[in-house]
Structure formats: C-alpha cells, structure tokens
Amino acid sequence: MAKKARKKSAANGRNKRKAVTKKKTKVRTGAKKKKVARKARRRTIRNRLSNAYQTVMDTVKGTDRLRNKLEAPGTSESE
C-alpha cells in the first residue's frame, strides 16, 4: 500500500523556498490573418419543415430496421 505523506510543520516550510523562474514566451515570426466568420444561414420555415420531416423518416426507418432485426419479416405470432 502507498504511504501517506506526512504534514510538514510551519517552521520547516518557512525556511525553504523554491526559486521563482520566468516562463519563456514564444516569438511570433509572422502576423497571421484572422478568418472572417461566416454568417449563419437563416432558418426558414422550409428548412425547419424539411429537417422535421427528415427526422421523422429516419426514426421510422430505424424502427423498421430494429423490428426486422428482432423478428424476420413474413413471420408473425398471430395465426
């Protein structure tokens, strides 16, 4: 098992100080151009309806695939 580190007394901590070092900064070799952000397309009613329709169709297709995976088509329990 790992040993726990003992807590040092305040007197010992005052005497020992770590040296402060400065971090080196990187020098940029060339100015980079900022990219201009594109404006977002407006959400028209047509786009909203199209997205909603596609979501419903994907859900129906996913449900159909899952049903076929669980029970092969053409077989049914009711006779």
PDB file of N, CA and C in Angstrom:
ATOM      1  N   MET A   1       0.834  -1.185   0.000  1.00  0.00           N
ATOM      2  CA  MET A   1       0.000   0.000   0.000  1.00  0.00           C
ATOM      3  C   MET A   1       0.881   1.251   0.000  1.00  0.00           C
ATOM      4  N   ALA A   2       0.376   2.295  -0.553  1.00  0.00           N
ATOM      5  CA  ALA A   2       1.140   3.532  -0.631  1.00  0.00           C
ATOM      6  C   ALA A   2       1.120   4.243   0.712  1.00  0.00           C
ATOM      7  N   LYS A   3       2.261   4.832   1.055  1.00  0.00           N
ATOM      8  CA  LYS A   3       2.353   5.561   2.314  1.00  0.00           C
ATOM      9  C   LYS A   3       1.820   6.972   2.111  1.00  0.00           C
ATOM     10  N   LYS A   4       1.188   7.490   3.146  1.00  0.00           N
ATOM     11  CA  LYS A   4       0.702   8.857   3.085  1.00  0.00           C
ATOM     12  C   LYS A   4       1.835   9.802   3.445  1.00  0.00           C
ATOM     13  N   ALA A   5       1.901  10.931   2.793  1.00  0.00           N
ATOM     14  CA  ALA A   5       2.939  11.916   3.089  1.00  0.00           C
ATOM     15  C   ALA A   5       2.599  12.616   4.388  1.00  0.00           C
ATOM     16  N   ARG A   6       3.616  12.803   5.209  1.00  0.00           N
ATOM     17  CA  ARG A   6       3.396  13.488   6.477  1.00  0.00           C
ATOM     18  C   ARG A   6       3.293  14.989   6.258  1.00  0.00           C
ATOM     19  N   LYS A   7       2.481  15.622   7.085  1.00  0.00           N
ATOM     20  CA  LYS A   7       2.336  17.061   7.019  1.00  0.00           C
ATOM     21  C   LYS A   7       3.556  17.699   7.672  1.00  0.00           C
ATOM     22  N   LYS A   8       4.195  18.643   6.975  1.00  0.00           N
ATOM     23  CA  LYS A   8       5.382  19.297   7.500  1.00  0.00           C
ATOM     24  C   LYS A   8       4.964  20.444   8.412  1.00  0.00           C
ATOM     25  N   SER A   9       5.792  20.709   9.387  1.00  0.00           N
ATOM     26  CA  SER A   9       5.482  21.789  10.312  1.00  0.00           C
ATOM     27  C   SER A   9       5.699  23.134   9.632  1.00  0.00           C
ATOM     28  N   ALA A  10       5.065  24.171  10.168  1.00  0.00           N
ATOM     29  CA  ALA A  10       5.142  25.508   9.587  1.00  0.00           C
ATOM     30  C   ALA A  10       6.554  26.061   9.671  1.00  0.00           C
ATOM     31  N   ALA A  11       7.301  25.688  10.687  1.00  0.00           N
ATOM     32  CA  ALA A  11       8.655  26.205  10.859  1.00  0.00           C
ATOM     33  C   ALA A  11       9.569  25.717   9.741  1.00  0.00           C
ATOM     34  N   ASN A  12       9.436  24.483   9.328  1.00  0.00           N
ATOM     35  CA  ASN A  12      10.274  23.957   8.256  1.00  0.00           C
ATOM     36  C   ASN A  12       9.909  24.564   6.909  1.00  0.00           C
ATOM     37  N   GLY A  13       8.661  24.889   6.697  1.00  0.00           N
ATOM     38  CA  GLY A  13       8.204  25.431   5.431  1.00  0.00           C
ATOM     39  C   GLY A  13       8.685  26.845   5.193  1.00  0.00           C
ATOM     40  N   ARG A  14       8.880  27.607   6.259  1.00  0.00           N
ATOM     41  CA  ARG A  14       9.303  28.999   6.111  1.00  0.00           C
ATOM     42  C   ARG A  14      10.752  29.106   5.656  1.00  0.00           C
ATOM     43  N   ASN A  15      11.578  28.174   6.080  1.00  0.00           N
ATOM     44  CA  ASN A  15      13.000  28.268   5.785  1.00  0.00           C
ATOM     45  C   ASN A  15      13.320  27.897   4.338  1.00  0.00           C
ATOM     46  N   LYS A  16      12.588  26.985   3.774  1.00  0.00           N
ATOM     47  CA  LYS A  16      12.882  26.507   2.431  1.00  0.00           C
ATOM     48  C   LYS A  16      11.894  27.129   1.442  1.00  0.00           C
ATOM     49  N   ARG A  17      12.434  27.854   0.489  1.00  0.00           N
ATOM     50  CA  ARG A  17      11.582  28.467  -0.530  1.00  0.00           C
ATOM     51  C   ARG A  17      12.076  28.029  -1.899  1.00  0.00           C
ATOM     52  N   LYS A  18      11.148  27.830  -2.780  1.00  0.00           N
ATOM     53  CA  LYS A  18      11.500  27.439  -4.146  1.00  0.00           C
ATOM     54  C   LYS A  18      11.856  28.676  -4.948  1.00  0.00           C
ATOM     55  N   ALA A  19      12.794  28.548  -5.842  1.00  0.00           N
ATOM     56  CA  ALA A  19      13.199  29.665  -6.694  1.00  0.00           C
ATOM     57  C   ALA A  19      12.125  29.895  -7.745  1.00  0.00           C
ATOM     58  N   VAL A  20      11.800  31.156  -7.972  1.00  0.00           N
ATOM     59  CA  VAL A  20      10.781  31.515  -8.952  1.00  0.00           C
ATOM     60  C   VAL A  20      11.458  31.668 -10.301  1.00  0.00           C
ATOM     61  N   THR A  21      10.937  30.968 -11.308  1.00  0.00           N
ATOM     62  CA  THR A  21      11.504  31.070 -12.647  1.00  0.00           C
ATOM     63  C   THR A  21      10.472  31.673 -13.576  1.00  0.00           C
ATOM     64  N   LYS A  22      10.959  32.455 -14.528  1.00  0.00           N
ATOM     65  CA  LYS A  22      10.061  33.065 -15.506  1.00  0.00           C
ATOM     66  C   LYS A  22       9.857  32.104 -16.668  1.00  0.00           C
ATOM     67  N   LYS A  23       8.645  32.098 -17.201  1.00  0.00           N
ATOM     68  CA  LYS A  23       8.344  31.263 -18.354  1.00  0.00           C
ATOM     69  C   LYS A  23       8.795  31.981 -19.617  1.00  0.00           C
ATOM     70  N   LYS A  24       9.329  31.222 -20.546  1.00  0.00           N
ATOM     71  CA  LYS A  24       9.759  31.804 -21.811  1.00  0.00           C
ATOM     72  C   LYS A  24       8.548  31.998 -22.710  1.00  0.00           C
ATOM     73  N   THR A  25       8.505  33.136 -23.381  1.00  0.00           N
ATOM     74  CA  THR A  25       7.405  33.391 -24.305  1.00  0.00           C
ATOM     75  C   THR A  25       7.875  33.121 -25.726  1.00  0.00           C
ATOM     76  N   LYS A  26       6.967  32.617 -26.530  1.00  0.00           N
ATOM     77  CA  LYS A  26       7.290  32.323 -27.918  1.00  0.00           C
ATOM     78  C   LYS A  26       7.234  33.598 -28.744  1.00  0.00           C
ATOM     79  N   VAL A  27       8.151  33.717 -29.672  1.00  0.00           N
ATOM     80  CA  VAL A  27       8.189  34.875 -30.555  1.00  0.00           C
ATOM     81  C   VAL A  27       7.481  34.498 -31.848  1.00  0.00           C
ATOM     82  N   ARG A  28       6.540  35.324 -32.248  1.00  0.00           N
ATOM     83  CA  ARG A  28       5.804  35.059 -33.481  1.00  0.00           C
ATOM     84  C   ARG A  28       6.616  35.546 -34.662  1.00  0.00           C
ATOM     85  N   THR A  29       6.729  34.682 -35.643  1.00  0.00           N
ATOM     86  CA  THR A  29       7.550  35.020 -36.803  1.00  0.00           C
ATOM     87  C   THR A  29       6.777  35.806 -37.856  1.00  0.00           C
ATOM     88  N   GLY A  30       5.493  35.708 -37.877  1.00  0.00           N
ATOM     89  CA  GLY A  30       4.711  36.418 -38.891  1.00  0.00           C
ATOM     90  C   GLY A  30       3.308  36.663 -38.386  1.00  0.00           C
ATOM     91  N   ALA A  31       2.718  37.722 -38.822  1.00  0.00           N
ATOM     92  CA  ALA A  31       1.365  38.035 -38.406  1.00  0.00           C
ATOM     93  C   ALA A  31       0.393  37.130 -39.146  1.00  0.00           C
ATOM     94  N   LYS A  32      -0.492  36.499 -38.417  1.00  0.00           N
ATOM     95  CA  LYS A  32      -1.487  35.623 -39.024  1.00  0.00           C
ATOM     96  C   LYS A  32      -2.771  36.412 -39.261  1.00  0.00           C
ATOM     97  N   LYS A  33      -3.391  36.140 -40.394  1.00  0.00           N
ATOM     98  CA  LYS A  33      -4.643  36.809 -40.710  1.00  0.00           C
ATOM     99  C   LYS A  33      -5.783  36.093 -40.004  1.00  0.00           C
ATOM    100  N   LYS A  34      -6.693  36.874 -39.475  1.00  0.00           N
ATOM    101  CA  LYS A  34      -7.866  36.305 -38.826  1.00  0.00           C
ATOM    102  C   LYS A  34      -8.881  35.909 -39.888  1.00  0.00           C
ATOM    103  N   LYS A  35      -9.498  34.764 -39.688  1.00  0.00           N
ATOM    104  CA  LYS A  35     -10.528  34.327 -40.627  1.00  0.00           C
ATOM    105  C   LYS A  35     -11.820  35.071 -40.322  1.00  0.00           C
ATOM    106  N   VAL A  36     -12.491  35.473 -41.372  1.00  0.00           N
ATOM    107  CA  VAL A  36     -13.754  36.166 -41.213  1.00  0.00           C
ATOM    108  C   VAL A  36     -14.837  35.120 -40.995  1.00  0.00           C
ATOM    109  N   ALA A  37     -15.599  35.288 -39.935  1.00  0.00           N
ATOM    110  CA  ALA A  37     -16.652  34.330 -39.624  1.00  0.00           C
ATOM    111  C   ALA A  37     -17.803  34.490 -40.609  1.00  0.00           C
ATOM    112  N   ARG A  38     -18.291  33.351 -41.081  1.00  0.00           N
ATOM    113  CA  ARG A  38     -19.433  33.385 -41.995  1.00  0.00           C
ATOM    114  C   ARG A  38     -20.704  33.628 -41.220  1.00  0.00           C
ATOM    115  N   LYS A  39     -21.632  34.268 -41.877  1.00  0.00           N
ATOM    116  CA  LYS A  39     -22.936  34.466 -41.246  1.00  0.00           C
ATOM    117  C   LYS A  39     -23.715  33.160 -41.304  1.00  0.00           C
ATOM    118  N   ALA A  40     -24.411  32.859 -40.237  1.00  0.00           N
ATOM    119  CA  ALA A  40     -25.217  31.648 -40.200  1.00  0.00           C
ATOM    120  C   ALA A  40     -26.431  31.827 -41.108  1.00  0.00           C
ATOM    121  N   ARG A  41     -26.790  30.737 -41.785  1.00  0.00           N
ATOM    122  CA  ARG A  41     -27.968  30.806 -42.656  1.00  0.00           C
ATOM    123  C   ARG A  41     -29.218  30.987 -41.810  1.00  0.00           C
ATOM    124  N   ARG A  42     -30.136  31.723 -42.358  1.00  0.00           N
ATOM    125  CA  ARG A  42     -31.391  31.938 -41.650  1.00  0.00           C
ATOM    126  C   ARG A  42     -32.203  30.653 -41.678  1.00  0.00           C
ATOM    127  N   ARG A  43     -32.851  30.373 -40.577  1.00  0.00           N
ATOM    128  CA  ARG A  43     -33.678  29.172 -40.508  1.00  0.00           C
ATOM    129  C   ARG A  43     -35.070  29.521 -41.026  1.00  0.00           C
ATOM    130  N   THR A  44     -35.308  29.187 -42.264  1.00  0.00           N
ATOM    131  CA  THR A  44     -36.603  29.480 -42.859  1.00  0.00           C
ATOM    132  C   THR A  44     -37.585  28.379 -42.473  1.00  0.00           C
ATOM    133  N   ILE A  45     -38.846  28.642 -42.732  1.00  0.00           N
ATOM    134  CA  ILE A  45     -39.886  27.657 -42.430  1.00  0.00           C
ATOM    135  C   ILE A  45     -39.663  26.405 -43.262  1.00  0.00           C
ATOM    136  N   ARG A  46     -39.250  26.593 -44.504  1.00  0.00           N
ATOM    137  CA  ARG A  46     -38.997  25.441 -45.384  1.00  0.00           C
ATOM    138  C   ARG A  46     -37.897  24.560 -44.800  1.00  0.00           C
ATOM    139  N   ASN A  47     -36.814  25.189 -44.320  1.00  0.00           N
ATOM    140  CA  ASN A  47     -35.725  24.402 -43.727  1.00  0.00           C
ATOM    141  C   ASN A  47     -36.180  23.670 -42.473  1.00  0.00           C
ATOM    142  N   ARG A  48     -36.964  24.332 -41.648  1.00  0.00           N
ATOM    143  CA  ARG A  48     -37.454  23.693 -40.417  1.00  0.00           C
ATOM    144  C   ARG A  48     -38.347  22.500 -40.737  1.00  0.00           C
ATOM    145  N   LEU A  49     -39.258  22.684 -41.701  1.00  0.00           N
ATOM    146  CA  LEU A  49     -40.143  21.580 -42.073  1.00  0.00           C
ATOM    147  C   LEU A  49     -39.354  20.430 -42.686  1.00  0.00           C
ATOM    148  N   SER A  50     -38.394  20.758 -43.506  1.00  0.00           N
ATOM    149  CA  SER A  50     -37.571  19.733 -44.145  1.00  0.00           C
ATOM    150  C   SER A  50     -36.802  18.938 -43.100  1.00  0.00           C
ATOM    151  N   ASN A  51     -36.209  19.625 -42.131  1.00  0.00           N
ATOM    152  CA  ASN A  51     -35.463  18.942 -41.070  1.00  0.00           C
ATOM    153  C   ASN A  51     -36.380  18.074 -40.219  1.00  0.00           C
ATOM    154  N   ALA A  52     -37.571  18.571 -39.910  1.00  0.00           N
ATOM    155  CA  ALA A  52     -38.518  17.800 -39.100  1.00  0.00           C
ATOM    156  C   ALA A  52     -38.962  16.546 -39.844  1.00  0.00           C
ATOM    157  N   TYR A  53     -39.255  16.690 -41.138  1.00  0.00           N
ATOM    158  CA  TYR A  53     -39.672  15.558 -41.956  1.00  0.00           C
ATOM    159  C   TYR A  53     -38.566  14.508 -42.030  1.00  0.00           C
ATOM    160  N   GLN A  54     -37.332  14.965 -42.237  1.00  0.00           N
ATOM    161  CA  GLN A  54     -36.203  14.032 -42.325  1.00  0.00           C
ATOM    162  C   GLN A  54     -36.003  13.297 -41.009  1.00  0.00           C
ATOM    163  N   THR A  55     -36.190  13.983 -39.885  1.00  0.00           N
ATOM    164  CA  THR A  55     -36.055  13.353 -38.571  1.00  0.00           C
ATOM    165  C   THR A  55     -37.097  12.263 -38.388  1.00  0.00           C
ATOM    166  N   VAL A  56     -38.341  12.547 -38.787  1.00  0.00           N
ATOM    167  CA  VAL A  56     -39.413  11.547 -38.668  1.00  0.00           C
ATOM    168  C   VAL A  56     -39.107  10.349 -39.554  1.00  0.00           C
ATOM    169  N   MET A  57     -38.663  10.601 -40.785  1.00  0.00           N
ATOM    170  CA  MET A  57     -38.365   9.494 -41.706  1.00  0.00           C
ATOM    171  C   MET A  57     -37.223   8.628 -41.174  1.00  0.00           C
ATOM    172  N   ASP A  58     -36.187   9.249 -40.622  1.00  0.00           N
ATOM    173  CA  ASP A  58     -35.073   8.488 -40.056  1.00  0.00           C
ATOM    174  C   ASP A  58     -35.537   7.639 -38.879  1.00  0.00           C
ATOM    175  N   THR A  59     -36.432   8.180 -38.061  1.00  0.00           N
ATOM    176  CA  THR A  59     -36.950   7.438 -36.911  1.00  0.00           C
ATOM    177  C   THR A  59     -37.756   6.232 -37.372  1.00  0.00           C
ATOM    178  N   VAL A  60     -38.618   6.431 -38.375  1.00  0.00           N
ATOM    179  CA  VAL A  60     -39.441   5.332 -38.886  1.00  0.00           C
ATOM    180  C   VAL A  60     -38.558   4.248 -39.489  1.00  0.00           C
ATOM    181  N   LYS A  61     -37.549   4.646 -40.272  1.00  0.00           N
ATOM    182  CA  LYS A  61     -36.654   3.664 -40.879  1.00  0.00           C
ATOM    183  C   LYS A  61     -35.864   2.903 -39.826  1.00  0.00           C
ATOM    184  N   GLY A  62     -35.425   3.610 -38.779  1.00  0.00           N
ATOM    185  CA  GLY A  62     -34.689   2.957 -37.699  1.00  0.00           C
ATOM    186  C   GLY A  62     -35.554   1.961 -36.956  1.00  0.00           C
ATOM    187  N   THR A  63     -36.827   2.327 -36.729  1.00  0.00           N
ATOM    188  CA  THR A  63     -37.761   1.428 -36.060  1.00  0.00           C
ATOM    189  C   THR A  63     -38.024   0.195 -36.911  1.00  0.00           C
ATOM    190  N   ASP A  64     -38.160   0.398 -38.205  1.00  0.00           N
ATOM    191  CA  ASP A  64     -38.394  -0.711 -39.135  1.00  0.00           C
ATOM    192  C   ASP A  64     -37.206  -1.674 -39.138  1.00  0.00           C
ATOM    193  N   ARG A  65     -35.997  -1.122 -39.179  1.00  0.00           N
ATOM    194  CA  ARG A  65     -34.791  -1.976 -39.151  1.00  0.00           C
ATOM    195  C   ARG A  65     -34.720  -2.786 -37.865  1.00  0.00           C
ATOM    196  N   LEU A  66     -35.043  -2.148 -36.744  1.00  0.00           N
ATOM    197  CA  LEU A  66     -34.996  -2.843 -35.462  1.00  0.00           C
ATOM    198  C   LEU A  66     -36.046  -3.949 -35.396  1.00  0.00           C
ATOM    199  N   ARG A  67     -37.250  -3.671 -35.915  1.00  0.00           N
ATOM    200  CA  ARG A  67     -38.306  -4.678 -35.928  1.00  0.00           C
ATOM    201  C   ARG A  67     -37.897  -5.874 -36.779  1.00  0.00           C
ATOM    202  N   ASN A  68     -37.294  -5.620 -37.944  1.00  0.00           N
ATOM    203  CA  ASN A  68     -36.843  -6.705 -38.820  1.00  0.00           C
ATOM    204  C   ASN A  68     -35.693  -7.486 -38.200  1.00  0.00           C
ATOM    205  N   LYS A  69     -34.874  -6.813 -37.428  1.00  0.00           N
ATOM    206  CA  LYS A  69     -33.751  -7.486 -36.780  1.00  0.00           C
ATOM    207  C   LYS A  69     -34.251  -8.444 -35.698  1.00  0.00           C
ATOM    208  N   LEU A  70     -35.264  -7.999 -34.943  1.00  0.00           N
ATOM    209  CA  LEU A  70     -35.793  -8.838 -33.867  1.00  0.00           C
ATOM    210  C   LEU A  70     -36.630  -9.993 -34.402  1.00  0.00           C
ATOM    211  N   GLU A  71     -37.412  -9.706 -35.419  1.00  0.00           N
ATOM    212  CA  GLU A  71     -38.273 -10.749 -35.996  1.00  0.00           C
ATOM    213  C   GLU A  71     -38.221 -10.619 -37.512  1.00  0.00           C
ATOM    214  N   ALA A  72     -37.835 -11.686 -38.177  1.00  0.00           N
ATOM    215  CA  ALA A  72     -37.706 -11.650 -39.630  1.00  0.00           C
ATOM    216  C   ALA A  72     -39.048 -11.324 -40.269  1.00  0.00           C
ATOM    217  N   PRO A  73     -39.056 -10.539 -41.361  1.00  0.00           N
ATOM    218  CA  PRO A  73     -40.322 -10.207 -41.995  1.00  0.00           C
ATOM    219  C   PRO A  73     -40.991 -11.449 -42.579  1.00  0.00           C
ATOM    220  N   GLY A  74     -42.316 -11.492 -42.493  1.00  0.00           N
ATOM    221  CA  GLY A  74     -43.065 -12.624 -43.017  1.00  0.00           C
ATOM    222  C   GLY A  74     -43.451 -13.623 -41.937  1.00  0.00           C
ATOM    223  N   THR A  75     -42.854 -13.520 -40.754  1.00  0.00           N
ATOM    224  CA  THR A  75     -43.224 -14.402 -39.664  1.00  0.00           C
ATOM    225  C   THR A  75     -44.021 -13.598 -38.650  1.00  0.00           C
ATOM    226  N   SER A  76     -45.094 -14.204 -38.162  1.00  0.00           N
ATOM    227  CA  SER A  76     -45.894 -13.494 -37.171  1.00  0.00           C
ATOM    228  C   SER A  76     -46.375 -14.506 -36.122  1.00  0.00           C
ATOM    229  N   GLU A  77     -46.633 -14.022 -34.943  1.00  0.00           N
ATOM    230  CA  GLU A  77     -47.096 -14.886 -33.867  1.00  0.00           C
ATOM    231  C   GLU A  77     -48.575 -15.181 -33.982  1.00  0.00           C
ATOM    232  N   SER A  78     -49.338 -14.220 -34.449  1.00  0.00           N
ATOM    233  CA  SER A  78     -50.796 -14.418 -34.560  1.00  0.00           C
ATOM    234  C   SER A  78     -51.134 -15.246 -35.797  1.00  0.00           C
ATOM    235  N   GLU A  79     -52.005 -16.197 -35.645  1.00  0.00           N
ATOM    236  CA  GLU A  79     -52.432 -17.034 -36.774  1.00  0.00           C
ATOM    237  C   GLU A  79     -53.919 -17.055 -36.892  1.00  0.00           C
TER     238      GLU A  79
END
